[in-house]
Amino acid sequence: HTMSTVAGKLEKVEKNLQECQNELDEVGKKLRNRKDSLPPSEVTRLQSLSVQLGAEVVDCEQQIDLLRRENRKSMALSVLICAVVVFVYCAYKSITILAYKETSTNSHCHPKIYIIRIDMCTRY
């Protein structure tokens, strides 16, 4: 839920931002093109709507910045966790190889197993 929630919120806010910007453009066009032919009450209403939409655009942009920052933090944490898991896996395999090397009594099989295990670790 957490990952889809951040992505879902981001998508929702971006969609809302686009809608507000489109509506703000339409209001701006009406004010520029028909300001003289509109009654004063309509001009006042459109100006008020323009201010409200402008504030909502700013709010949406701030929310998007916060959500993107949160998303970057989550991604960095995920990468860090993956790196730690890979490091622990390689360390475990290295310790296993060294332990096997020290306890091996059959020396003619030892080099083949050692090379295979190192390959397994270095692929990741």
N, C-alpha and C. Protein backbone atom coordinates (compact mmCIF):
# COMPACT_ATOMS: atom_id res chain seq x y z
N HIS A 1 0.81 -1.20 0.00
CA HIS A 1 0.00 0.00 0.00
C HIS A 1 0.85 1.26 0.00
N THR A 2 1.97 1.27 0.73
CA THR A 2 2.77 2.48 0.86
C THR A 2 3.30 2.94 -0.49
N MET A 3 3.86 2.01 -1.27
CA MET A 3 4.43 2.40 -2.54
C MET A 3 3.33 2.89 -3.49
N SER A 4 2.23 2.15 -3.57
CA SER A 4 1.16 2.57 -4.47
C SER A 4 0.48 3.83 -3.95
N THR A 5 0.48 4.03 -2.65
CA THR A 5 -0.14 5.23 -2.08
C THR A 5 0.63 6.48 -2.51
N VAL A 6 1.94 6.46 -2.41
CA VAL A 6 2.74 7.62 -2.80
C VAL A 6 2.59 7.86 -4.30
N ALA A 7 2.70 6.80 -5.08
CA ALA A 7 2.57 6.94 -6.53
C ALA A 7 1.15 7.37 -6.89
N GLY A 8 0.17 6.82 -6.22
CA GLY A 8 -1.23 7.19 -6.48
C GLY A 8 -1.51 8.64 -6.11
N LYS A 9 -0.98 9.05 -4.96
CA LYS A 9 -1.16 10.46 -4.55
C LYS A 9 -0.50 11.40 -5.55
N LEU A 10 0.70 11.03 -5.97
CA LEU A 10 1.44 11.86 -6.92
C LEU A 10 0.67 11.98 -8.24
N GLU A 11 0.16 10.88 -8.72
CA GLU A 11 -0.61 10.88 -9.96
C GLU A 11 -1.87 11.74 -9.81
N LYS A 12 -2.55 11.59 -8.68
CA LYS A 12 -3.78 12.34 -8.44
C LYS A 12 -3.50 13.85 -8.37
N VAL A 13 -2.44 14.23 -7.66
CA VAL A 13 -2.11 15.65 -7.54
C VAL A 13 -1.67 16.22 -8.88
N GLU A 14 -0.91 15.45 -9.67
CA GLU A 14 -0.49 15.92 -10.98
C GLU A 14 -1.70 16.12 -11.90
N LYS A 15 -2.66 15.21 -11.82
CA LYS A 15 -3.88 15.34 -12.62
C LYS A 15 -4.66 16.59 -12.19
N ASN A 16 -4.77 16.79 -10.87
CA ASN A 16 -5.46 17.97 -10.34
C ASN A 16 -4.75 19.25 -10.78
N LEU A 17 -3.42 19.24 -10.76
CA LEU A 17 -2.64 20.40 -11.21
C LEU A 17 -2.93 20.72 -12.67
N GLN A 18 -2.95 19.69 -13.50
CA GLN A 18 -3.22 19.90 -14.92
C GLN A 18 -4.61 20.49 -15.14
N GLU A 19 -5.59 19.96 -14.41
CA GLU A 19 -6.96 20.48 -14.53
C GLU A 19 -7.03 21.94 -14.08
N CYS A 20 -6.37 22.27 -12.98
CA CYS A 20 -6.37 23.66 -12.49
C CYS A 20 -5.70 24.60 -13.48
N GLN A 21 -4.58 24.14 -14.05
CA GLN A 21 -3.88 24.98 -15.03
C GLN A 21 -4.74 25.21 -16.27
N ASN A 22 -5.42 24.16 -16.72
CA ASN A 22 -6.30 24.31 -17.89
C ASN A 22 -7.44 25.27 -17.60
N GLU A 23 -8.05 25.12 -16.42
CA GLU A 23 -9.16 26.00 -16.05
C GLU A 23 -8.67 27.44 -15.88
N LEU A 24 -7.48 27.59 -15.30
CA LEU A 24 -6.90 28.93 -15.14
C LEU A 24 -6.65 29.58 -16.49
N ASP A 25 -6.17 28.80 -17.45
CA ASP A 25 -5.97 29.32 -18.81
C ASP A 25 -7.29 29.78 -19.43
N GLU A 26 -8.33 28.98 -19.24
CA GLU A 26 -9.65 29.33 -19.79
C GLU A 26 -10.18 30.63 -19.17
N VAL A 27 -10.05 30.74 -17.86
CA VAL A 27 -10.50 31.95 -17.17
C VAL A 27 -9.70 33.15 -17.66
N GLY A 28 -8.39 32.96 -17.81
CA GLY A 28 -7.54 34.04 -18.32
C GLY A 28 -7.94 34.48 -19.71
N LYS A 29 -8.26 33.52 -20.58
CA LYS A 29 -8.70 33.85 -21.94
C LYS A 29 -10.01 34.64 -21.92
N LYS A 30 -10.93 34.20 -21.08
CA LYS A 30 -12.22 34.91 -20.98
C LYS A 30 -12.00 36.35 -20.51
N LEU A 31 -11.13 36.52 -19.53
CA LEU A 31 -10.88 37.86 -19.02
C LEU A 31 -10.19 38.74 -20.05
N ARG A 32 -9.27 38.19 -20.81
CA ARG A 32 -8.55 38.98 -21.82
C ARG A 32 -9.43 39.30 -23.02
N ASN A 33 -10.17 38.30 -23.50
CA ASN A 33 -10.90 38.46 -24.75
C ASN A 33 -12.26 39.15 -24.60
N ARG A 34 -12.92 38.93 -23.47
CA ARG A 34 -14.27 39.45 -23.33
C ARG A 34 -14.46 40.34 -22.11
N LYS A 35 -13.42 40.90 -21.61
CA LYS A 35 -13.52 41.71 -20.39
C LYS A 35 -14.47 42.89 -20.59
N ASP A 36 -14.41 43.51 -21.75
CA ASP A 36 -15.25 44.69 -22.02
C ASP A 36 -16.73 44.32 -22.19
N SER A 37 -17.01 43.12 -22.69
CA SER A 37 -18.40 42.75 -22.93
C SER A 37 -19.06 42.05 -21.74
N LEU A 38 -18.27 41.70 -20.72
CA LEU A 38 -18.82 41.01 -19.54
C LEU A 38 -19.32 42.02 -18.51
N PRO A 39 -20.37 41.67 -17.80
CA PRO A 39 -20.82 42.55 -16.71
C PRO A 39 -19.76 42.59 -15.59
N PRO A 40 -19.69 43.68 -14.86
CA PRO A 40 -18.68 43.81 -13.79
C PRO A 40 -18.73 42.68 -12.76
N SER A 41 -19.91 42.20 -12.46
CA SER A 41 -20.00 41.10 -11.48
C SER A 41 -19.34 39.83 -12.01
N GLU A 42 -19.47 39.59 -13.32
CA GLU A 42 -18.84 38.41 -13.93
C GLU A 42 -17.33 38.57 -13.98
N VAL A 43 -16.87 39.78 -14.27
CA VAL A 43 -15.42 40.05 -14.28
C VAL A 43 -14.85 39.81 -12.88
N THR A 44 -15.55 40.31 -11.87
CA THR A 44 -15.11 40.13 -10.48
C THR A 44 -15.09 38.64 -10.11
N ARG A 45 -16.12 37.92 -10.53
CA ARG A 45 -16.19 36.48 -10.24
C ARG A 45 -15.04 35.74 -10.91
N LEU A 46 -14.76 36.07 -12.18
CA LEU A 46 -13.66 35.42 -12.90
C LEU A 46 -12.30 35.76 -12.29
N GLN A 47 -12.14 37.01 -11.86
CA GLN A 47 -10.89 37.40 -11.22
C GLN A 47 -10.70 36.65 -9.91
N SER A 48 -11.77 36.51 -9.15
CA SER A 48 -11.73 35.77 -7.90
C SER A 48 -11.40 34.30 -8.16
N LEU A 49 -12.04 33.73 -9.18
CA LEU A 49 -11.78 32.34 -9.55
C LEU A 49 -10.33 32.17 -9.99
N SER A 50 -9.81 33.15 -10.71
CA SER A 50 -8.42 33.11 -11.16
C SER A 50 -7.46 33.08 -9.98
N VAL A 51 -7.75 33.89 -8.96
CA VAL A 51 -6.91 33.92 -7.75
C VAL A 51 -6.98 32.58 -7.03
N GLN A 52 -8.18 32.02 -6.90
CA GLN A 52 -8.35 30.72 -6.23
C GLN A 52 -7.61 29.62 -6.98
N LEU A 53 -7.76 29.62 -8.30
CA LEU A 53 -7.07 28.60 -9.10
C LEU A 53 -5.56 28.76 -9.03
N GLY A 54 -5.08 29.99 -9.03
CA GLY A 54 -3.64 30.23 -8.90
C GLY A 54 -3.11 29.70 -7.58
N ALA A 55 -3.87 29.92 -6.51
CA ALA A 55 -3.47 29.40 -5.20
C ALA A 55 -3.48 27.87 -5.19
N GLU A 56 -4.46 27.28 -5.85
CA GLU A 56 -4.54 25.82 -5.91
C GLU A 56 -3.38 25.24 -6.74
N VAL A 57 -2.99 25.94 -7.80
CA VAL A 57 -1.84 25.50 -8.61
C VAL A 57 -0.58 25.50 -7.76
N VAL A 58 -0.38 26.57 -7.00
CA VAL A 58 0.81 26.65 -6.13
C VAL A 58 0.78 25.53 -5.10
N ASP A 59 -0.38 25.29 -4.51
CA ASP A 59 -0.52 24.21 -3.52
C ASP A 59 -0.22 22.85 -4.14
N CYS A 60 -0.74 22.61 -5.34
CA CYS A 60 -0.48 21.33 -6.02
C CYS A 60 1.01 21.16 -6.31
N GLU A 61 1.66 22.23 -6.75
CA GLU A 61 3.09 22.16 -7.05
C GLU A 61 3.90 21.84 -5.79
N GLN A 62 3.50 22.42 -4.65
CA GLN A 62 4.18 22.13 -3.39
C GLN A 62 3.96 20.67 -2.97
N GLN A 63 2.74 20.19 -3.14
CA GLN A 63 2.44 18.79 -2.81
C GLN A 63 3.24 17.84 -3.69
N ILE A 64 3.36 18.17 -4.97
CA ILE A 64 4.13 17.33 -5.89
C ILE A 64 5.59 17.30 -5.47
N ASP A 65 6.15 18.44 -5.09
CA ASP A 65 7.54 18.48 -4.63
C ASP A 65 7.73 17.59 -3.40
N LEU A 66 6.81 17.68 -2.44
CA LEU A 66 6.91 16.86 -1.24
C LEU A 66 6.79 15.37 -1.55
N LEU A 67 5.85 15.02 -2.41
CA LEU A 67 5.66 13.61 -2.76
C LEU A 67 6.85 13.06 -3.54
N ARG A 68 7.41 13.86 -4.42
CA ARG A 68 8.60 13.41 -5.16
C ARG A 68 9.79 13.22 -4.22
N ARG A 69 9.93 14.13 -3.26
CA ARG A 69 11.00 14.00 -2.28
C ARG A 69 10.82 12.71 -1.47
N GLU A 70 9.59 12.45 -1.05
CA GLU A 70 9.30 11.23 -0.30
C GLU A 70 9.57 9.99 -1.16
N ASN A 71 9.22 10.08 -2.42
CA ASN A 71 9.46 8.97 -3.34
C ASN A 71 10.96 8.71 -3.53
N ARG A 72 11.75 9.79 -3.63
CA ARG A 72 13.20 9.64 -3.76
C ARG A 72 13.80 9.00 -2.52
N LYS A 73 13.31 9.40 -1.34
CA LYS A 73 13.80 8.81 -0.09
C LYS A 73 13.49 7.32 -0.04
N SER A 74 12.28 6.95 -0.44
CA SER A 74 11.89 5.55 -0.45
C SER A 74 12.76 4.75 -1.42
N MET A 75 13.02 5.33 -2.58
CA MET A 75 13.85 4.65 -3.57
C MET A 75 15.28 4.48 -3.05
N ALA A 76 15.83 5.51 -2.44
CA ALA A 76 17.18 5.41 -1.88
C ALA A 76 17.25 4.35 -0.79
N LEU A 77 16.24 4.29 0.05
CA LEU A 77 16.19 3.28 1.09
C LEU A 77 16.12 1.88 0.49
N SER A 78 15.33 1.71 -0.56
CA SER A 78 15.22 0.41 -1.23
C SER A 78 16.56 -0.01 -1.82
N VAL A 79 17.24 0.91 -2.47
CA VAL A 79 18.55 0.61 -3.05
C VAL A 79 19.55 0.25 -1.95
N LEU A 80 19.51 0.97 -0.84
CA LEU A 80 20.41 0.68 0.27
C LEU A 80 20.14 -0.71 0.84
N ILE A 81 18.88 -1.05 1.01
CA ILE A 81 18.54 -2.37 1.53
C ILE A 81 19.01 -3.46 0.58
N CYS A 82 18.81 -3.27 -0.72
CA CYS A 82 19.28 -4.25 -1.70
C CYS A 82 20.80 -4.39 -1.65
N ALA A 83 21.50 -3.28 -1.53
CA ALA A 83 22.97 -3.32 -1.46
C ALA A 83 23.43 -4.07 -0.22
N VAL A 84 22.77 -3.85 0.90
CA VAL A 84 23.12 -4.56 2.13
C VAL A 84 22.87 -6.05 1.98
N VAL A 85 21.76 -6.42 1.39
CA VAL A 85 21.45 -7.84 1.18
C VAL A 85 22.50 -8.49 0.29
N VAL A 86 22.88 -7.83 -0.80
CA VAL A 86 23.90 -8.37 -1.69
C VAL A 86 25.23 -8.48 -0.95
N PHE A 87 25.57 -7.46 -0.18
CA PHE A 87 26.83 -7.50 0.57
C PHE A 87 26.83 -8.67 1.57
N VAL A 88 25.74 -8.83 2.29
CA VAL A 88 25.65 -9.92 3.27
C VAL A 88 25.73 -11.27 2.55
N TYR A 89 25.05 -11.40 1.40
CA TYR A 89 25.10 -12.64 0.65
C TYR A 89 26.52 -12.95 0.19
N CYS A 90 27.20 -11.96 -0.37
CA CYS A 90 28.59 -12.19 -0.82
C CYS A 90 29.51 -12.49 0.35
N ALA A 91 29.33 -11.79 1.46
CA ALA A 91 30.15 -12.07 2.64
C ALA A 91 29.91 -13.48 3.14
N TYR A 92 28.65 -13.90 3.17
CA TYR A 92 28.31 -15.26 3.61
C TYR A 92 28.95 -16.29 2.68
N LYS A 93 28.86 -16.05 1.38
CA LYS A 93 29.45 -16.99 0.42
C LYS A 93 30.96 -17.02 0.56
N SER A 94 31.58 -15.87 0.79
CA SER A 94 33.03 -15.83 0.97
C SER A 94 33.44 -16.60 2.21
N ILE A 95 32.70 -16.43 3.29
CA ILE A 95 33.00 -17.15 4.53
C ILE A 95 32.80 -18.64 4.32
N THR A 96 31.75 -19.00 3.60
CA THR A 96 31.49 -20.41 3.31
C THR A 96 32.62 -21.00 2.49
N ILE A 97 33.11 -20.25 1.51
CA ILE A 97 34.21 -20.73 0.67
C ILE A 97 35.47 -20.91 1.50
N LEU A 98 35.77 -19.92 2.35
CA LEU A 98 36.96 -20.03 3.19
C LEU A 98 36.84 -21.19 4.18
N ALA A 99 35.66 -21.37 4.74
CA ALA A 99 35.47 -22.48 5.67
C ALA A 99 35.61 -23.81 4.95
N TYR A 100 35.08 -23.89 3.75
CA TYR A 100 35.20 -25.12 2.98
C TYR A 100 36.64 -25.37 2.61
N LYS A 101 37.35 -24.31 2.26
CA LYS A 101 38.77 -24.44 1.87
C LYS A 101 39.59 -24.98 3.04
N GLU A 102 39.33 -24.48 4.24
CA GLU A 102 40.09 -24.90 5.41
C GLU A 102 39.74 -26.34 5.84
N THR A 103 38.51 -26.76 5.62
CA THR A 103 38.10 -28.09 6.10
C THR A 103 38.18 -29.15 5.02
N SER A 104 38.50 -28.75 3.81
CA SER A 104 38.54 -29.71 2.70
C SER A 104 39.73 -30.66 2.85
N THR A 105 39.45 -31.92 2.70
CA THR A 105 40.53 -32.92 2.75
C THR A 105 40.83 -33.46 1.38
N ASN A 106 39.93 -33.23 0.43
CA ASN A 106 40.12 -33.72 -0.92
C ASN A 106 40.63 -32.57 -1.79
N SER A 107 41.94 -32.43 -1.94
CA SER A 107 42.52 -31.25 -2.59
C SER A 107 42.30 -31.20 -4.10
N HIS A 108 42.10 -32.34 -4.78
CA HIS A 108 41.94 -32.28 -6.24
C HIS A 108 40.55 -31.75 -6.63
N CYS A 109 39.53 -31.78 -5.76
CA CYS A 109 38.20 -31.22 -6.06
C CYS A 109 38.09 -29.76 -5.61
N HIS A 110 38.93 -29.40 -4.70
CA HIS A 110 38.83 -28.08 -4.08
C HIS A 110 38.86 -26.91 -5.07
N PRO A 111 39.80 -26.80 -6.01
CA PRO A 111 39.84 -25.63 -6.88
C PRO A 111 38.56 -25.43 -7.71
N LYS A 112 37.96 -26.51 -8.19
CA LYS A 112 36.74 -26.37 -9.00
C LYS A 112 35.60 -25.78 -8.18
N ILE A 113 35.40 -26.26 -7.00
CA ILE A 113 34.33 -25.76 -6.14
C ILE A 113 34.59 -24.31 -5.77
N TYR A 114 35.83 -23.98 -5.48
CA TYR A 114 36.20 -22.62 -5.11
C TYR A 114 35.88 -21.64 -6.24
N ILE A 115 36.22 -21.97 -7.47
CA ILE A 115 35.98 -21.10 -8.61
C ILE A 115 34.48 -20.94 -8.86
N ILE A 116 33.73 -22.01 -8.79
CA ILE A 116 32.28 -21.94 -9.01
C ILE A 116 31.64 -21.02 -7.97
N ARG A 117 32.03 -21.17 -6.73
CA ARG A 117 31.41 -20.35 -5.68
C ARG A 117 31.78 -18.88 -5.82
N ILE A 118 32.98 -18.57 -6.22
CA ILE A 118 33.37 -17.17 -6.44
C ILE A 118 32.55 -16.60 -7.61
N ASP A 119 32.36 -17.39 -8.68
CA ASP A 119 31.54 -16.93 -9.80
C ASP A 119 30.13 -16.62 -9.36
N MET A 120 29.56 -17.46 -8.51
CA MET A 120 28.21 -17.22 -8.03
C MET A 120 28.12 -15.91 -7.29
N CYS A 121 29.13 -15.60 -6.52
CA CYS A 121 29.11 -14.38 -5.72
C CYS A 121 29.35 -13.15 -6.60
N THR A 122 30.25 -13.22 -7.54
CA THR A 122 30.58 -12.04 -8.32
C THR A 122 29.55 -11.72 -9.38
N ARG A 123 28.67 -12.62 -9.72
CA ARG A 123 27.59 -12.31 -10.67
C ARG A 123 26.64 -11.30 -10.08
N TYR A 124 26.45 -11.30 -8.81
CA TYR A 124 25.51 -10.41 -8.15
C TYR A 124 26.23 -9.16 -7.76
